[in-house]
């Protein structure tokens, strides 16, 4: 795998099984950058947060085709095949909010797109947050299990120390008694 972070490589198994480009909802955390090299026309839409992106590629001679952009929630950008997009979560106020964005390939007819847009809206609005919740609950469960194991270990060490202390207190007077 190449060292750059490419959208197609992030969902390569699902996309290759479905025979379609990697499309859907994605998250980008603060401090991370993402590089996109689309092979088909597509639309990048920001669902949450804002990004700073640099667009370059074969259409650089068109006005605004090779430039830096700041996209906010609701903004869309059409990207042609062969163009290169590098984007980063950007928040000048310093909040560490993750960015949610959607990548849609523009290869389906308009009638099929409305149904697929509803499905993608469902995925972005319900399925992805549910996946995030399940992931967070799993992490919380693992943390709780580790904490309980630590408490049990500390309780065992306390019981062993208490037993040693009691034996020392009982054995010391018996050793001092004259026979």
Protein backbone atom coordinates (compact mmCIF):
# COMPACT_ATOMS: atom_id res chain seq x y z
CA UNK A 1 0.00 0.00 0.00
CA UNK A 2 1.29 3.45 -0.82
CA UNK A 3 2.18 5.76 2.07
CA UNK A 4 -0.48 8.31 1.20
CA UNK A 5 -3.93 8.06 2.66
CA UNK A 6 -6.27 7.47 -0.27
CA UNK A 7 -10.06 7.27 0.06
CA UNK A 8 -10.32 4.25 -2.21
CA UNK A 9 -7.83 2.29 -0.08
CA UNK A 10 -9.79 2.95 3.12
CA UNK A 11 -12.81 1.03 1.86
CA UNK A 12 -11.08 -1.23 -0.65
CA UNK A 13 -12.65 -4.49 0.52
CA UNK A 14 -16.25 -3.26 0.48
CA UNK A 15 -15.80 -1.32 -2.75
CA UNK A 16 -14.12 -4.19 -4.57
CA UNK A 17 -16.84 -6.60 -3.47
CA UNK A 18 -19.59 -4.27 -4.58
CA UNK A 19 -17.86 -3.37 -7.85
CA UNK A 20 -18.33 0.34 -7.26
CA UNK A 21 -16.20 3.27 -6.13
CA UNK A 22 -15.81 4.01 -2.44
CA UNK A 23 -18.67 6.32 -1.56
CA UNK A 24 -20.48 7.18 1.64
CA UNK A 25 -19.86 8.90 4.94
CA UNK A 26 -16.39 9.48 6.34
CA UNK A 27 -14.86 11.17 9.36
CA UNK A 28 -11.69 13.21 9.59
CA UNK A 29 -10.30 13.98 13.04
CA UNK A 30 -8.45 17.14 13.94
CA UNK A 31 -4.74 16.96 13.17
CA UNK A 32 -5.17 14.39 10.39
CA UNK A 33 -5.00 15.03 6.66
CA UNK A 34 -6.63 13.03 3.88
CA UNK A 35 -5.50 12.77 0.28
CA UNK A 36 -8.06 11.90 -2.41
CA UNK A 37 -7.27 10.76 -5.95
CA UNK A 38 -10.70 10.03 -7.47
CA UNK A 39 -10.97 7.92 -10.63
CA UNK A 40 -14.50 9.17 -11.44
CA UNK A 41 -16.34 12.47 -11.12
CA UNK A 42 -17.54 13.00 -7.61
CA UNK A 43 -19.00 15.44 -5.14
CA UNK A 44 -17.42 16.13 -1.77
CA UNK A 45 -19.98 17.45 0.73
CA UNK A 46 -19.19 18.56 4.27
CA UNK A 47 -21.83 17.33 6.73
CA UNK A 48 -20.26 18.59 9.98
CA UNK A 49 -17.41 20.93 10.84
CA UNK A 50 -15.16 22.62 8.33
CA UNK A 51 -12.13 21.64 6.28
CA UNK A 52 -9.28 23.38 4.58
CA UNK A 53 -8.52 21.67 1.30
CA UNK A 54 -6.14 22.11 -1.58
CA UNK A 55 -7.35 21.06 -5.01
CA UNK A 56 -4.93 20.48 -7.87
CA UNK A 57 -4.75 18.36 -10.99
CA UNK A 58 -5.33 18.27 -14.72
CA UNK A 59 -8.02 20.99 -14.67
CA UNK A 60 -5.72 23.53 -13.03
CA UNK A 61 -6.10 25.93 -15.97
CA UNK A 62 -9.79 26.54 -15.11
CA UNK A 63 -10.43 29.41 -12.67
CA UNK A 64 -10.66 28.15 -9.11
CA UNK A 65 -9.66 24.59 -10.07
CA UNK A 66 -6.27 24.69 -8.37
CA UNK A 67 -6.63 26.55 -5.12
CA UNK A 68 -7.12 26.36 -1.40
CA UNK A 69 -10.71 26.22 -0.20
CA UNK A 70 -12.41 26.35 3.19
CA UNK A 71 -15.60 24.30 3.15
CA UNK A 72 -18.16 24.43 5.95
CA UNK A 73 -21.11 22.19 6.81
CA UNK A 74 -23.43 22.05 3.79
CA UNK A 75 -20.78 23.15 1.25
CA UNK A 76 -20.15 20.96 -1.79
CA UNK A 77 -17.25 20.71 -4.22
CA UNK A 78 -17.31 18.84 -7.53
CA UNK A 79 -14.06 16.99 -8.19
CA UNK A 80 -13.03 15.65 -11.59
CA UNK A 81 -11.14 12.40 -12.20
CA UNK A 82 -7.39 12.88 -11.92
CA UNK A 83 -7.61 15.86 -9.62
CA UNK A 84 -5.85 15.64 -6.28
CA UNK A 85 -7.50 16.83 -3.07
CA UNK A 86 -5.71 17.18 0.24
CA UNK A 87 -8.00 18.14 3.10
CA UNK A 88 -7.60 18.68 6.81
CA UNK A 89 -10.07 19.34 9.59
CA UNK A 90 -9.80 23.06 10.26
CA UNK A 91 -11.17 24.99 13.19
CA UNK A 92 -9.51 28.34 13.93
CA UNK A 93 -11.24 28.59 17.32
CA UNK A 94 -9.20 25.62 18.57
CA UNK A 95 -12.04 23.15 19.22
CA UNK A 96 -11.08 19.55 18.47
CA UNK A 97 -14.24 18.70 16.53
CA UNK A 98 -14.10 15.91 13.97
CA UNK A 99 -15.30 16.62 10.45
CA UNK A 100 -17.93 14.43 8.83
CA UNK A 101 -18.05 14.47 5.05
CA UNK A 102 -19.64 12.54 2.25
CA UNK A 103 -18.16 11.42 -1.04
CA UNK A 104 -20.62 10.67 -3.84
CA UNK A 105 -19.65 9.38 -7.26
CA UNK A 106 -21.47 11.11 -10.07
CA UNK A 107 -21.95 8.15 -12.42
CA UNK A 108 -25.56 7.10 -11.72
CA UNK A 109 -28.57 8.49 -13.61
CA UNK A 110 -30.56 11.26 -11.90
CA UNK A 111 -33.54 8.99 -11.06
CA UNK A 112 -31.35 6.46 -9.30
CA UNK A 113 -29.44 9.23 -7.53
CA UNK A 114 -32.44 10.42 -5.51
CA UNK A 115 -32.95 6.94 -4.05
CA UNK A 116 -29.23 6.52 -3.41
CA UNK A 117 -29.04 9.99 -1.83
CA UNK A 118 -31.80 9.01 0.60
CA UNK A 119 -29.88 5.84 1.44
CA UNK A 120 -26.67 7.81 1.94
CA UNK A 121 -28.49 10.36 4.09
CA UNK A 122 -29.74 7.44 6.21
CA UNK A 123 -26.20 6.10 6.43
CA UNK A 124 -24.72 9.48 7.40
CA UNK A 125 -27.52 10.43 9.78
CA UNK A 126 -28.30 7.13 11.48
CA UNK A 127 -25.99 4.26 10.61
CA UNK A 128 -22.65 6.06 11.06
CA UNK A 129 -23.58 7.59 14.44
CA UNK A 130 -24.84 4.16 15.55
CA UNK A 131 -21.52 2.59 14.52
CA UNK A 132 -19.70 5.32 16.46
CA UNK A 133 -21.88 4.65 19.53
CA UNK A 134 -21.24 0.89 19.39
CA UNK A 135 -17.51 1.54 19.03
CA UNK A 136 -17.54 3.95 22.00
CA UNK A 137 -19.53 1.50 24.14
CA UNK A 138 -17.05 -1.24 23.27
CA UNK A 139 -14.16 0.96 24.33
CA UNK A 140 -16.00 1.89 27.53
CA UNK A 141 -16.64 -1.78 28.29
CA UNK A 142 -12.97 -2.63 27.78
CA UNK A 143 -11.94 0.26 30.04
CA UNK A 144 -14.43 -0.86 32.72
CA UNK A 145 -13.11 -4.44 32.52
CA UNK A 146 -9.53 -3.23 32.91
CA UNK A 147 -10.52 -1.05 35.88
CA UNK A 148 -12.32 -3.98 37.56
CA UNK A 149 -9.27 -6.19 37.04
CA UNK A 150 -7.08 -3.51 38.62
CA UNK A 151 -9.47 -3.20 41.59
CA UNK A 152 -9.50 -6.98 42.06
CA UNK A 153 -5.70 -7.06 41.95
CA UNK A 154 -5.47 -4.23 44.48
CA UNK A 155 -7.99 -6.01 46.74
CA UNK A 156 -5.92 -9.19 46.60
CA UNK A 157 -2.74 -7.32 47.45
CA UNK A 158 -4.56 -5.60 50.33
CA UNK A 159 -5.83 -8.94 51.71
CA UNK A 160 -2.34 -10.48 51.47
CA UNK A 161 -0.79 -7.49 53.24
CA UNK A 162 -3.43 -7.56 55.95
CA UNK A 163 -2.81 -11.28 56.52
CA UNK A 164 0.97 -10.69 56.78
CA UNK A 165 0.36 -7.85 59.23
CA UNK A 166 -1.97 -9.98 61.38
CA UNK A 167 0.46 -12.90 61.41
CA UNK A 168 3.31 -10.56 62.33
CA UNK A 169 1.27 -9.07 65.20
CA UNK A 170 0.31 -12.54 66.48
CA UNK A 171 3.70 -14.20 65.96
CA UNK A 172 5.79 -11.38 67.50
CA UNK A 173 4.32 -11.68 71.03
CA UNK A 174 4.60 -15.49 70.93
CA UNK A 175 8.31 -15.28 70.06
CA UNK A 176 8.99 -12.92 73.03
CA UNK A 177 7.37 -15.19 75.68
CA UNK A 178 9.89 -17.09 77.82
CA UNK A 179 9.57 -20.81 77.54
